Amino acid sequence: MGDQRLKVRIPEWCHKFEAKLNEKKIDSPLQEGGYLVFPKSSTGDSFEINFTMDFEYIHPHQLLDASRGMVAVRRGPEIYALDQSWNSSELVVEHLQIKTDGKFKSEIAKDLNGLEFTKVKVNGSSLVVDRSGPSYTSESKSPREKEIELVLVPYSRWGNPVTGGMRVWIPKVS
């Protein structure tokens, strides 16, 4: 590499990372315009970057009417989905809401091919729907809610065990 500096783009989703040069941690790495800049290097130098991939809630633009009041879950570059097949068969995906004040609980799961992936559990609620009565009424009723735990899987894994309802943008409990 001679007397060159190596620049590596820091992804938008990465809020923390660790950089090493020749197996030594760089305490205050230089950043320029979204890039990590390694110091000048010599032939044979080794570079290492570890991007932290934490779970986080992401929010749609406020002008996106269809997803207003909803959140999605992301871990690094991967988007997660609320998939019917990984949740109780008694639940209806369209009746589920997510609570954003709790912690993410991740665990390793296997798909039908035995490949491992990370699923995550979060607190949520399910609307308890009264199916009796007319479709429309002038009487305003707030639906009852039942506290539940929701299971989300990477979007690429949805419908893996069985097909069913799925959503990425999940209504947020207010």
Protein backbone atom coordinates (compact mmCIF):
# COMPACT_ATOMS: atom_id res chain seq x y z
CA MET A 1 0.00 0.00 0.00
CA GLY A 2 2.95 2.31 0.34
CA ASP A 3 2.19 5.68 1.90
CA GLN A 4 -1.59 5.61 1.33
CA ARG A 5 -4.49 6.00 3.74
CA LEU A 6 -7.33 3.48 3.62
CA LYS A 7 -10.87 4.88 3.80
CA VAL A 8 -13.78 2.59 4.69
CA ARG A 9 -17.40 3.73 4.53
CA ILE A 10 -19.29 3.55 7.83
CA PRO A 11 -22.84 2.30 7.10
CA GLU A 12 -25.75 4.55 8.12
CA TRP A 13 -27.06 1.87 10.50
CA CYS A 14 -23.76 1.60 12.40
CA HIS A 15 -23.73 3.70 15.58
CA LYS A 16 -20.67 2.05 17.18
CA PHE A 17 -17.62 0.33 15.78
CA GLU A 18 -14.10 -0.70 16.73
CA ALA A 19 -11.11 -0.29 14.43
CA LYS A 20 -7.72 -2.00 14.67
CA LEU A 21 -4.47 -1.53 12.80
CA ASN A 22 -2.02 -4.42 13.11
CA GLU A 23 -4.19 -5.90 15.89
CA LYS A 24 -3.97 -2.70 17.99
CA LYS A 25 -7.15 -0.78 18.76
CA ILE A 26 -7.32 2.73 17.35
CA ASP A 27 -8.72 4.79 20.24
CA SER A 28 -10.05 7.83 18.36
CA PRO A 29 -10.31 6.85 14.72
CA LEU A 30 -10.40 9.70 12.23
CA GLN A 31 -13.69 10.07 10.36
CA GLU A 32 -14.25 12.14 7.23
CA GLY A 33 -17.63 12.46 5.53
CA GLY A 34 -18.98 9.10 6.70
CA TYR A 35 -15.69 7.27 6.16
CA LEU A 36 -13.30 5.80 8.69
CA VAL A 37 -9.77 6.86 7.75
CA PHE A 38 -6.97 4.53 8.79
CA PRO A 39 -3.57 6.15 9.37
CA LYS A 40 -0.91 5.95 6.69
CA SER A 41 0.14 2.36 6.34
CA SER A 42 2.88 0.18 4.99
CA THR A 43 2.92 -3.01 2.98
CA GLY A 44 1.84 -5.93 5.16
CA ASP A 45 -0.28 -3.90 7.59
CA SER A 46 -3.56 -5.51 8.67
CA PHE A 47 -6.84 -3.65 9.14
CA GLU A 48 -9.86 -4.79 11.11
CA ILE A 49 -13.25 -3.16 11.69
CA ASN A 50 -16.02 -4.57 13.87
CA PHE A 51 -19.40 -2.94 13.31
CA THR A 52 -21.80 -3.24 16.26
CA MET A 53 -25.20 -4.49 15.10
CA ASP A 54 -27.70 -3.58 17.80
CA PHE A 55 -31.46 -3.93 17.45
CA GLU A 56 -33.24 -0.61 17.03
CA TYR A 57 -36.61 0.84 16.09
CA ILE A 58 -36.76 2.85 12.91
CA HIS A 59 -39.47 5.33 12.03
CA PRO A 60 -41.01 6.24 8.66
CA HIS A 61 -40.95 9.75 7.26
CA GLN A 62 -43.83 11.71 8.80
CA LEU A 63 -45.39 12.30 5.36
CA LEU A 64 -45.75 8.57 4.66
CA ASP A 65 -49.42 8.27 5.52
CA ALA A 66 -49.65 4.47 5.23
CA SER A 67 -47.03 3.89 7.93
CA ARG A 68 -47.72 6.84 10.26
CA GLY A 69 -47.73 5.76 13.91
CA MET A 70 -45.75 2.62 13.11
CA VAL A 71 -42.19 1.41 13.63
CA ALA A 72 -39.99 -1.24 12.08
CA VAL A 73 -37.17 -3.23 13.71
CA ARG A 74 -33.66 -3.26 12.29
CA ARG A 75 -30.44 -4.98 13.31
CA GLY A 76 -27.53 -3.70 11.31
CA PRO A 77 -28.55 -3.75 7.65
CA GLU A 78 -31.26 -6.36 8.24
CA ILE A 79 -34.96 -5.48 8.55
CA TYR A 80 -37.15 -7.68 10.74
CA ALA A 81 -40.75 -8.78 10.13
CA LEU A 82 -43.63 -9.73 12.39
CA ASP A 83 -44.45 -13.12 10.89
CA GLN A 84 -47.59 -15.10 11.75
CA SER A 85 -45.77 -18.43 11.52
CA TRP A 86 -43.33 -17.56 14.34
CA ASN A 87 -46.08 -16.29 16.69
CA SER A 88 -49.03 -18.01 18.33
CA SER A 89 -51.58 -19.32 15.83
CA GLU A 90 -54.26 -17.61 17.96
CA LEU A 91 -52.86 -14.18 17.09
CA VAL A 92 -53.84 -12.17 14.02
CA VAL A 93 -50.95 -10.09 12.66
CA GLU A 94 -53.29 -7.23 11.76
CA HIS A 95 -54.39 -6.97 15.43
CA LEU A 96 -50.87 -6.74 16.87
CA GLN A 97 -49.11 -3.66 18.19
CA ILE A 98 -45.55 -3.17 19.41
CA LYS A 99 -44.37 -1.50 22.62
CA THR A 100 -41.15 0.42 22.13
CA ASP A 101 -40.31 0.94 25.81
CA GLY A 102 -39.03 -2.59 26.49
CA LYS A 103 -35.82 -4.43 25.74
CA PHE A 104 -35.02 -6.58 22.73
CA LYS A 105 -34.54 -10.27 23.62
CA SER A 106 -32.65 -12.05 20.87
CA GLU A 107 -32.06 -15.76 20.45
CA ILE A 108 -30.76 -18.13 17.81
CA ALA A 109 -33.35 -20.10 15.81
CA LYS A 110 -33.16 -22.52 12.88
CA ASP A 111 -35.10 -22.42 9.64
CA LEU A 112 -36.48 -25.46 7.79
CA ASN A 113 -33.05 -26.11 6.26
CA GLY A 114 -31.36 -26.09 9.66
CA LEU A 115 -29.66 -22.73 9.02
CA GLU A 116 -29.28 -20.53 12.07
CA PHE A 117 -30.48 -16.94 12.30
CA THR A 118 -31.28 -14.45 15.04
CA LYS A 119 -34.90 -13.86 15.98
CA VAL A 120 -36.00 -11.22 18.47
CA LYS A 121 -38.79 -10.98 21.03
CA VAL A 122 -40.38 -7.68 22.05
CA ASN A 123 -43.31 -6.63 24.19
CA GLY A 124 -46.56 -5.91 22.44
CA SER A 125 -50.29 -6.19 22.63
CA SER A 126 -53.09 -7.79 20.70
CA LEU A 127 -56.43 -6.14 20.15
CA VAL A 128 -59.26 -8.23 21.58
CA VAL A 129 -61.88 -7.87 18.87
CA ASP A 130 -65.59 -8.34 19.50
CA ARG A 131 -66.88 -9.86 16.27
CA SER A 132 -70.54 -9.51 17.22
CA GLY A 133 -72.67 -6.56 16.25
CA PRO A 134 -72.80 -4.38 13.15
CA SER A 135 -69.79 -3.45 11.00
CA TYR A 136 -70.42 0.26 11.60
CA THR A 137 -71.89 2.13 14.54
CA SER A 138 -72.15 5.70 15.75
CA GLU A 139 -70.98 4.53 19.17
CA SER A 140 -67.25 4.93 19.81
CA LYS A 141 -65.64 2.00 21.64
CA SER A 142 -61.97 1.54 22.43
CA PRO A 143 -60.86 -2.03 21.82
CA ARG A 144 -59.49 -4.07 24.69
CA GLU A 145 -55.84 -5.07 24.53
CA LYS A 146 -54.04 -8.16 25.80
CA GLU A 147 -50.33 -7.99 26.72
CA ILE A 148 -48.24 -10.42 24.67
CA GLU A 149 -44.70 -11.12 23.51
CA LEU A 150 -44.10 -10.68 19.77
CA VAL A 151 -41.54 -12.67 17.78
CA LEU A 152 -39.87 -10.98 14.81
CA VAL A 153 -37.62 -12.68 12.28
CA PRO A 154 -35.41 -11.32 9.51
CA TYR A 155 -37.57 -10.30 6.55
CA SER A 156 -35.68 -12.83 4.41
CA ARG A 157 -37.01 -15.65 6.67
CA TRP A 158 -40.72 -14.77 6.80
CA GLY A 159 -43.08 -17.53 5.76
CA ASN A 160 -40.33 -20.10 6.23
CA PRO A 161 -42.20 -22.67 8.37
CA VAL A 162 -45.65 -21.89 6.97
CA THR A 163 -47.24 -19.07 5.08
CA GLY A 164 -49.34 -16.51 6.87
CA GLY A 165 -49.66 -12.83 7.62
CA MET A 166 -46.58 -10.65 7.83
CA ARG A 167 -45.78 -6.99 8.34
CA VAL A 168 -42.64 -4.89 8.60
CA TRP A 169 -44.26 -1.64 9.72
CA ILE A 170 -45.98 -2.43 13.01
CA PRO A 171 -48.45 -0.13 14.79
CA LYS A 172 -46.92 1.33 17.92
CA VAL A 173 -48.81 1.23 21.22
CA SER A 174 -49.25 4.82 22.33
